[in-house]
């Protein structure tokens, strides 16, 4: 596609020249410019010598299509005059257009996959930097500003180990994804014939999944009594334990929202085991409060790593009415679990739930077997 004429050009950003900082910060910025510059050259693979039109032409795209690609990656806008790209950029940016030309993916799919990479790596970098800065503050007694400057000096030694772990983790996660796709698909397809997965409301949605929420009890009151550091440690402990349980149970952590986690699993049984393990873990935790858990089996729409649909909404509503330490499912999910000795199903009084009317929650409790065993 050709770039639309008359399109407004965004404000120019750094065109290859380090910005100067006003006021008393300027000498400090000047003192850090050399290590920062060396780090940039190493990370980018060379000098920024190419403009955006040169990169677009080198990749074989119109400027409009090239901009869609690097916007999906999360890059800032550049003007025609900015020296913003390196020769390494040019080589790396050829990958997705090549897949489209060779017919492996559509342009829409390529942009979606690229956006997933951009958003996940952006969040990952922020998370890693903050974790390293917090560690420097805690172990070396540095201020936040001092720790950030120290990290710039440390990063050259960290680049290769972090990059190696990233690639290793991606390959392991993709392997696990392929195994779920191939080995668990049949169980999911069989279960998808049950109950809601064929209902009028969500039948058009493509994926049958167990959708679960876990929500810390009394988080709001706790947050008012804790300082920022203690609260951050509590939330991190909660997220880490949830991620471990979900991973061991074969599920996927979709996202965390403060005191709440959203997760999915391929089958109702897998979702139920994860949910019971969550409730048990936090009931026994000496630091964290108990959590409310709910799980619903149904169809969802997956976009950019998140999930949508009535199944997700119902799971959230059930979480709100669950008691501390309880796991609730709806009656259709209970039907999919019935006959499995690992679960005890205890029907509760009907509840009026916003957006769903009257529903019939079922209390899920552990039956026979050890459930999910954590190391």
Protein backbone atom coordinates (compact mmCIF):
# COMPACT_ATOMS: atom_id res chain seq x y z
CA UNK A 1 0.00 0.00 0.00
CA UNK A 2 1.16 3.51 -0.71
CA UNK A 3 1.33 6.01 2.09
CA UNK A 4 -1.73 8.30 2.13
CA UNK A 5 -0.99 11.80 0.88
CA UNK A 6 -1.33 14.72 3.23
CA UNK A 7 -0.76 12.60 6.31
CA UNK A 8 0.34 14.67 9.27
CA UNK A 9 3.86 13.95 10.37
CA UNK A 10 4.32 13.45 14.11
CA UNK A 11 6.69 15.54 16.17
CA UNK A 12 10.29 14.67 15.46
CA UNK A 13 12.00 12.43 17.96
CA UNK A 14 15.66 11.73 18.51
CA UNK A 15 17.12 11.54 15.03
CA UNK A 16 20.33 9.85 16.04
CA UNK A 17 21.52 12.70 18.26
CA UNK A 18 21.42 12.36 22.03
CA UNK A 19 18.99 14.92 23.50
CA UNK A 20 20.33 17.49 25.94
CA UNK A 21 18.71 17.84 29.32
CA UNK A 22 17.99 21.31 30.72
CA UNK A 23 19.10 22.75 34.01
CA UNK A 24 21.28 21.01 36.60
CA UNK A 25 20.72 17.60 35.03
CA UNK A 26 22.79 18.49 31.96
CA UNK A 27 26.26 17.78 33.43
CA UNK A 28 25.04 14.44 34.76
CA UNK A 29 23.51 13.57 31.39
CA UNK A 30 26.77 14.51 29.68
CA UNK A 31 28.77 12.27 32.03
CA UNK A 32 26.55 9.30 31.23
CA UNK A 33 26.48 9.85 27.47
CA UNK A 34 29.57 7.77 26.65
CA UNK A 35 28.51 4.51 28.37
CA UNK A 36 24.95 4.99 27.14
CA UNK A 37 26.20 5.55 23.62
CA UNK A 38 28.38 2.45 23.73
CA UNK A 39 25.47 0.43 25.07
CA UNK A 40 23.19 1.66 22.28
CA UNK A 41 25.72 0.73 19.60
CA UNK A 42 26.01 -2.74 21.03
CA UNK A 43 22.27 -3.27 21.35
CA UNK A 44 21.38 -1.86 17.94
CA UNK A 45 24.31 -3.45 16.14
CA UNK A 46 25.79 -0.25 14.74
CA UNK A 47 25.28 3.42 14.04
CA UNK A 48 21.92 4.91 13.16
CA UNK A 49 22.67 5.82 9.55
CA UNK A 50 19.40 5.05 7.75
CA UNK A 51 16.20 7.04 7.37
CA UNK A 52 12.76 5.53 7.41
CA UNK A 53 12.24 5.67 3.64
CA UNK A 54 15.56 3.93 3.08
CA UNK A 55 14.57 1.14 5.46
CA UNK A 56 11.13 0.77 3.86
CA UNK A 57 12.68 0.50 0.40
CA UNK A 58 15.30 -1.96 1.64
CA UNK A 59 12.62 -4.17 3.18
CA UNK A 60 10.55 -3.95 0.00
CA UNK A 61 7.57 -2.17 1.55
CA UNK A 62 5.83 1.11 1.01
CA UNK A 63 6.47 3.59 3.78
CA UNK A 64 2.87 3.15 4.92
CA UNK A 65 3.25 -0.63 5.30
CA UNK A 66 6.67 -0.30 6.92
CA UNK A 67 5.25 2.11 9.48
CA UNK A 68 2.50 -0.37 10.34
CA UNK A 69 5.22 -2.94 11.01
CA UNK A 70 7.37 -0.88 13.32
CA UNK A 71 4.37 0.67 15.04
CA UNK A 72 3.28 -2.90 15.81
CA UNK A 73 6.71 -3.41 17.37
CA UNK A 74 6.12 -0.33 19.53
CA UNK A 75 8.69 1.94 17.87
CA UNK A 76 8.12 5.70 18.09
CA UNK A 77 7.27 7.81 15.07
CA UNK A 78 10.15 9.16 13.00
CA UNK A 79 10.28 11.94 10.43
CA UNK A 80 11.79 11.64 6.97
CA UNK A 81 14.94 13.41 8.22
CA UNK A 82 15.64 11.27 11.28
CA UNK A 83 18.61 8.93 11.16
CA UNK A 84 16.79 6.38 13.25
CA UNK A 85 17.73 2.95 11.87
CA UNK A 86 20.82 0.81 11.54
CA UNK A 87 21.80 -1.74 8.91
CA UNK A 88 20.94 -4.41 11.48
CA UNK A 89 17.41 -2.96 11.71
CA UNK A 90 17.12 -3.34 7.96
CA UNK A 91 18.00 -7.04 8.10
CA UNK A 92 15.76 -7.88 11.05
CA UNK A 93 12.74 -6.03 9.64
CA UNK A 94 12.80 -8.22 6.52
CA UNK A 95 11.62 -11.31 8.40
CA UNK A 96 7.86 -10.72 8.64
CA UNK A 97 7.41 -9.32 5.10
CA UNK A 98 9.23 -12.38 3.78
CA UNK A 99 6.76 -14.70 5.56
CA UNK A 100 3.87 -12.78 3.97
CA UNK A 101 5.38 -12.90 0.49
CA UNK A 102 6.06 -16.63 0.77
CA UNK A 103 2.44 -17.26 1.77
CA UNK A 104 3.05 -18.58 5.28
CA UNK A 105 0.93 -15.87 6.93
CA UNK A 106 -1.36 -13.07 5.87
CA UNK A 107 -0.40 -9.44 6.40
CA UNK A 108 -2.99 -9.18 9.17
CA UNK A 109 -1.54 -12.20 10.97
CA UNK A 110 2.02 -10.87 10.55
CA UNK A 111 1.06 -7.54 12.12
CA UNK A 112 -0.76 -9.33 14.96
CA UNK A 113 2.23 -11.58 15.71
CA UNK A 114 4.58 -8.60 15.50
CA UNK A 115 2.40 -6.61 17.89
CA UNK A 116 2.47 -9.52 20.34
CA UNK A 117 6.27 -9.52 20.20
CA UNK A 118 6.44 -5.76 20.66
CA UNK A 119 4.04 -5.61 23.59
CA UNK A 120 5.48 -8.60 25.42
CA UNK A 121 9.11 -7.52 25.06
CA UNK A 122 8.25 -3.95 26.09
CA UNK A 123 6.60 -5.22 29.27
CA UNK A 124 9.46 -7.67 29.84
CA UNK A 125 12.14 -4.97 29.58
CA UNK A 126 10.30 -2.68 32.00
CA UNK A 127 9.87 -5.57 34.44
CA UNK A 128 13.53 -6.62 34.21
CA UNK A 129 14.86 -3.09 34.63
CA UNK A 130 12.65 -2.43 37.65
CA UNK A 131 13.64 -5.76 39.25
CA UNK A 132 17.34 -5.03 38.80
CA UNK A 133 17.00 -1.47 40.07
CA UNK A 134 15.07 -2.63 43.14
CA UNK A 135 17.77 -5.22 43.84
CA UNK A 136 20.51 -2.58 43.64
CA UNK A 137 18.58 -0.30 46.00
CA UNK A 138 18.01 -3.14 48.49
CA UNK A 139 21.47 -4.74 48.43
CA UNK A 140 23.77 -1.76 47.85
CA UNK A 141 21.91 1.00 49.63
CA UNK A 142 21.70 3.15 46.50
CA UNK A 143 19.03 5.69 45.77
CA UNK A 144 16.69 4.97 42.87
CA UNK A 145 18.56 7.41 40.60
CA UNK A 146 21.97 5.99 41.58
CA UNK A 147 20.75 2.44 40.99
CA UNK A 148 19.55 3.32 37.49
CA UNK A 149 22.91 4.83 36.60
CA UNK A 150 24.70 1.81 38.05
CA UNK A 151 22.52 -0.48 35.95
CA UNK A 152 23.66 1.27 32.77
CA UNK A 153 27.22 0.31 33.69
CA UNK A 154 26.19 -3.28 34.50
CA UNK A 155 24.10 -3.97 31.41
CA UNK A 156 26.98 -4.81 29.02
CA UNK A 157 27.65 -7.89 31.17
CA UNK A 158 23.95 -8.78 31.35
CA UNK A 159 22.95 -8.52 27.69
CA UNK A 160 24.08 -11.96 26.56
CA UNK A 161 22.75 -13.91 29.58
CA UNK A 162 19.37 -12.15 29.36
CA UNK A 163 19.16 -12.66 25.62
CA UNK A 164 20.13 -16.32 25.95
CA UNK A 165 17.46 -16.89 28.60
CA UNK A 166 14.86 -15.09 26.47
CA UNK A 167 15.48 -17.30 23.43
CA UNK A 168 15.66 -20.43 25.59
CA UNK A 169 12.38 -19.58 27.33
CA UNK A 170 10.64 -18.79 24.04
CA UNK A 171 11.65 -22.14 22.57
CA UNK A 172 10.51 -24.00 25.69
CA UNK A 173 7.21 -22.12 25.75
CA UNK A 174 6.64 -22.80 22.06
CA UNK A 175 7.42 -26.49 22.63
CA UNK A 176 4.88 -26.59 25.46
CA UNK A 177 2.38 -24.80 23.23
CA UNK A 178 2.84 -27.34 20.46
CA UNK A 179 2.36 -30.19 22.93
CA UNK A 180 -0.85 -28.61 24.22
CA UNK A 181 -2.01 -28.10 20.66
CA UNK A 182 -1.31 -31.64 19.57
CA UNK A 183 -1.76 -33.78 22.66
CA UNK A 184 -4.58 -32.06 24.50
CA UNK A 185 -6.65 -30.94 21.55
CA UNK A 186 -8.73 -34.10 21.48
CA UNK A 187 -9.66 -33.83 25.16
CA UNK A 188 -10.63 -30.21 24.61
CA UNK A 189 -12.72 -31.06 21.56
CA UNK A 190 -14.53 -33.80 23.41
CA UNK A 191 -15.24 -31.53 26.35
CA UNK A 192 -16.35 -28.72 24.02
CA UNK A 193 -19.41 -30.76 23.13
CA UNK A 194 -20.68 -30.27 26.68
CA UNK A 195 -23.08 -27.56 27.77
CA UNK A 196 -22.37 -23.94 27.03
CA UNK A 197 -19.85 -24.51 24.27
CA UNK A 198 -22.74 -25.13 21.93
CA UNK A 199 -25.00 -22.40 23.25
CA UNK A 200 -26.33 -19.56 21.16
CA UNK A 201 -24.48 -16.84 23.08
CA UNK A 202 -20.89 -17.90 22.49
CA UNK A 203 -20.96 -20.69 19.87
CA UNK A 204 -19.26 -18.45 17.26
CA UNK A 205 -16.22 -18.02 19.54
CA UNK A 206 -13.40 -20.28 18.38
CA UNK A 207 -11.65 -21.67 21.47
CA UNK A 208 -13.01 -23.98 24.17
CA UNK A 209 -11.13 -23.22 27.39
CA UNK A 210 -11.38 -23.37 31.15
CA UNK A 211 -11.25 -19.75 32.33
CA UNK A 212 -10.30 -19.01 35.92
CA UNK A 213 -9.95 -15.96 38.17
CA UNK A 214 -8.22 -15.79 41.54
CA UNK A 215 -8.72 -12.70 43.67
CA UNK A 216 -7.01 -11.88 46.98
CA UNK A 217 -9.42 -11.30 49.86
CA UNK A 218 -9.28 -7.92 51.69
CA UNK A 219 -6.66 -6.54 49.29
CA UNK A 220 -8.07 -3.00 49.43
CA UNK A 221 -7.90 -2.78 53.21
CA UNK A 222 -4.44 -4.33 53.23
CA UNK A 223 -3.16 -1.84 50.67
CA UNK A 224 -4.25 1.04 52.89
CA UNK A 225 -2.21 -0.30 55.83
CA UNK A 226 0.97 -1.14 53.93
CA UNK A 227 3.71 1.05 52.54
CA UNK A 228 4.49 0.82 48.83
CA UNK A 229 7.44 -1.54 49.24
CA UNK A 230 5.56 -4.03 51.41
CA UNK A 231 2.52 -3.94 49.15
CA UNK A 232 4.70 -4.54 46.08
CA UNK A 233 6.29 -7.55 47.78
CA UNK A 234 2.88 -8.96 48.67
CA UNK A 235 1.58 -8.60 45.10
CA UNK A 236 4.76 -10.09 43.69
CA UNK A 237 4.51 -13.08 46.02
CA UNK A 238 0.88 -13.59 44.97
CA UNK A 239 1.72 -13.37 41.26
CA UNK A 240 4.73 -15.66 41.57
CA UNK A 241 2.80 -18.36 43.41
CA UNK A 242 -0.09 -18.15 40.96
CA UNK A 243 2.27 -18.38 37.98
CA UNK A 244 3.92 -21.46 39.50
CA UNK A 245 0.64 -23.26 40.16
CA UNK A 246 -0.73 -22.44 36.71
CA UNK A 247 2.46 -23.57 35.02
CA UNK A 248 2.67 -26.86 36.95
CA UNK A 249 -1.01 -27.48 36.20
CA UNK A 250 -0.44 -27.06 32.47
CA UNK A 251 -2.42 -23.84 32.16
CA UNK A 252 -1.46 -20.38 30.98
CA UNK A 253 -1.38 -17.16 32.97
CA UNK A 254 -3.20 -14.66 30.76
CA UNK A 255 -2.62 -11.55 32.86
CA UNK A 256 -2.39 -10.12 36.34
CA UNK A 257 -4.49 -7.15 37.45
CA UNK A 258 -3.16 -6.03 40.82
CA UNK A 259 -4.68 -8.47 43.29
CA UNK A 260 -6.25 -10.68 40.62
CA UNK A 261 -5.01 -13.20 38.07
CA UNK A 262 -6.73 -14.53 34.96
CA UNK A 263 -5.72 -17.94 33.66
CA UNK A 264 -6.87 -20.58 31.19
CA UNK A 265 -6.50 -24.32 30.75
CA UNK A 266 -7.23 -26.72 27.91
CA UNK A 267 -9.77 -28.90 29.75
CA UNK A 268 -12.31 -28.48 32.55
CA UNK A 269 -10.37 -30.93 34.75
CA UNK A 270 -7.10 -29.05 34.31
CA UNK A 271 -8.82 -25.76 35.15
CA UNK A 272 -10.45 -27.31 38.22
CA UNK A 273 -7.16 -28.73 39.53
CA UNK A 274 -5.42 -25.38 39.11
CA UNK A 275 -8.27 -23.56 40.86
CA UNK A 276 -8.28 -25.94 43.83
CA UNK A 277 -4.50 -25.67 44.15
CA UNK A 278 -4.80 -21.86 44.20
CA UNK A 279 -7.34 -21.90 47.01
CA UNK A 280 -5.31 -24.41 49.03
CA UNK A 281 -2.00 -22.57 48.53
CA UNK A 282 -3.24 -19.24 49.80
CA UNK A 283 -5.26 -20.73 52.63
CA UNK A 284 -1.98 -22.16 53.94
CA UNK A 285 0.24 -19.16 53.16
CA UNK A 286 1.49 -17.42 56.30
CA UNK A 287 1.86 -14.02 54.63
CA UNK A 288 -0.83 -13.73 51.99
CA UNK A 289 -4.56 -13.61 52.71
CA UNK A 290 -6.92 -16.22 51.30
CA UNK A 291 -8.24 -15.86 47.78
CA UNK A 292 -11.55 -16.28 46.03
CA UNK A 293 -11.45 -18.47 42.93
CA UNK A 294 -13.92 -19.20 40.15
CA UNK A 295 -13.62 -21.28 37.00
CA UNK A 296 -15.93 -21.59 33.99
CA UNK A 297 -15.68 -23.91 31.00
CA UNK A 298 -16.78 -22.31 27.72
CA UNK A 299 -15.69 -20.64 24.52
CA UNK A 300 -13.48 -17.58 24.31
CA UNK A 301 -11.94 -15.28 21.75
CA UNK A 302 -8.17 -14.85 22.02
CA UNK A 303 -6.50 -11.65 20.86
CA UNK A 304 -2.96 -10.42 21.58
CA UNK A 305 -2.59 -12.89 24.43
CA UNK A 306 -5.79 -11.73 26.16
CA UNK A 307 -9.16 -13.49 26.10
CA UNK A 308 -12.70 -12.19 25.71
CA UNK A 309 -16.29 -13.39 25.74
CA UNK A 310 -19.20 -14.28 28.04
CA UNK A 311 -17.21 -17.12 29.61
CA UNK A 312 -14.61 -14.64 30.91
CA UNK A 313 -17.30 -12.31 32.22
CA UNK A 314 -19.12 -15.12 34.03
CA UNK A 315 -15.91 -16.33 35.67
CA UNK A 316 -15.30 -12.79 36.95
CA UNK A 317 -18.84 -12.52 38.31
CA UNK A 318 -18.53 -15.87 40.11
CA UNK A 319 -15.27 -14.77 41.70
CA UNK A 320 -17.04 -11.78 43.21
CA UNK A 321 -19.59 -14.01 44.99
CA UNK A 322 -17.17 -16.73 46.11
CA UNK A 323 -16.24 -16.81 49.77
CA UNK A 324 -12.65 -16.69 51.08
CA UNK A 325 -10.87 -19.92 50.23
CA UNK A 326 -13.73 -21.12 48.01
CA UNK A 327 -13.74 -22.24 44.39
CA UNK A 328 -16.99 -21.72 42.50
CA UNK A 329 -18.01 -23.08 39.10
CA UNK A 330 -21.31 -22.76 37.28
CA UNK A 331 -23.71 -25.66 36.76
CA UNK A 332 -22.62 -26.30 33.16
CA UNK A 333 -18.98 -26.52 34.19
CA UNK A 334 -20.00 -28.80 37.06
CA UNK A 335 -21.74 -31.05 34.53
CA UNK A 336 -18.47 -31.32 32.57
CA UNK A 337 -16.65 -32.35 35.79
CA UNK A 338 -19.28 -34.75 37.08
CA UNK A 339 -18.12 -38.35 37.38
CA UNK A 340 -14.48 -37.39 38.03
CA UNK A 341 -13.52 -38.68 41.49
CA UNK A 342 -10.95 -35.92 41.89
CA UNK A 343 -13.73 -33.38 42.45
CA UNK A 344 -16.62 -32.97 44.86
CA UNK A 345 -19.44 -30.76 43.57
CA UNK A 346 -21.77 -29.05 46.05
CA UNK A 347 -24.64 -27.05 44.46
CA UNK A 348 -25.33 -23.69 46.10
CA UNK A 349 -28.38 -21.44 46.23
CA UNK A 350 -29.17 -19.65 42.93
CA UNK A 351 -27.71 -16.16 42.54
CA UNK A 352 -28.80 -13.21 40.43
CA UNK A 353 -25.72 -12.14 38.49
CA UNK A 354 -25.50 -8.93 36.50
CA UNK A 355 -25.55 -9.64 32.78
CA UNK A 356 -26.50 -13.31 33.24
CA UNK A 357 -29.67 -13.33 35.33
CA UNK A 358 -30.13 -16.29 37.63
CA UNK A 359 -27.22 -18.71 37.72
CA UNK A 360 -26.62 -21.84 39.78
CA UNK A 361 -23.16 -21.74 41.37
CA UNK A 362 -21.55 -24.97 42.47
CA UNK A 363 -18.89 -25.18 45.18
CA UNK A 364 -15.90 -27.17 43.95
CA UNK A 365 -13.94 -29.14 46.54
CA UNK A 366 -11.10 -31.67 46.22
CA UNK A 367 -12.00 -35.35 45.98
CA UNK A 368 -9.61 -38.27 45.71
CA UNK A 369 -6.02 -37.99 44.55
CA UNK A 370 -3.24 -35.54 45.41
CA UNK A 371 -4.25 -32.79 42.99
CA UNK A 372 -1.45 -30.53 41.76
CA UNK A 373 1.76 -31.24 43.67
CA UNK A 374 4.19 -28.34 44.02
CA UNK A 375 7.86 -28.83 44.85
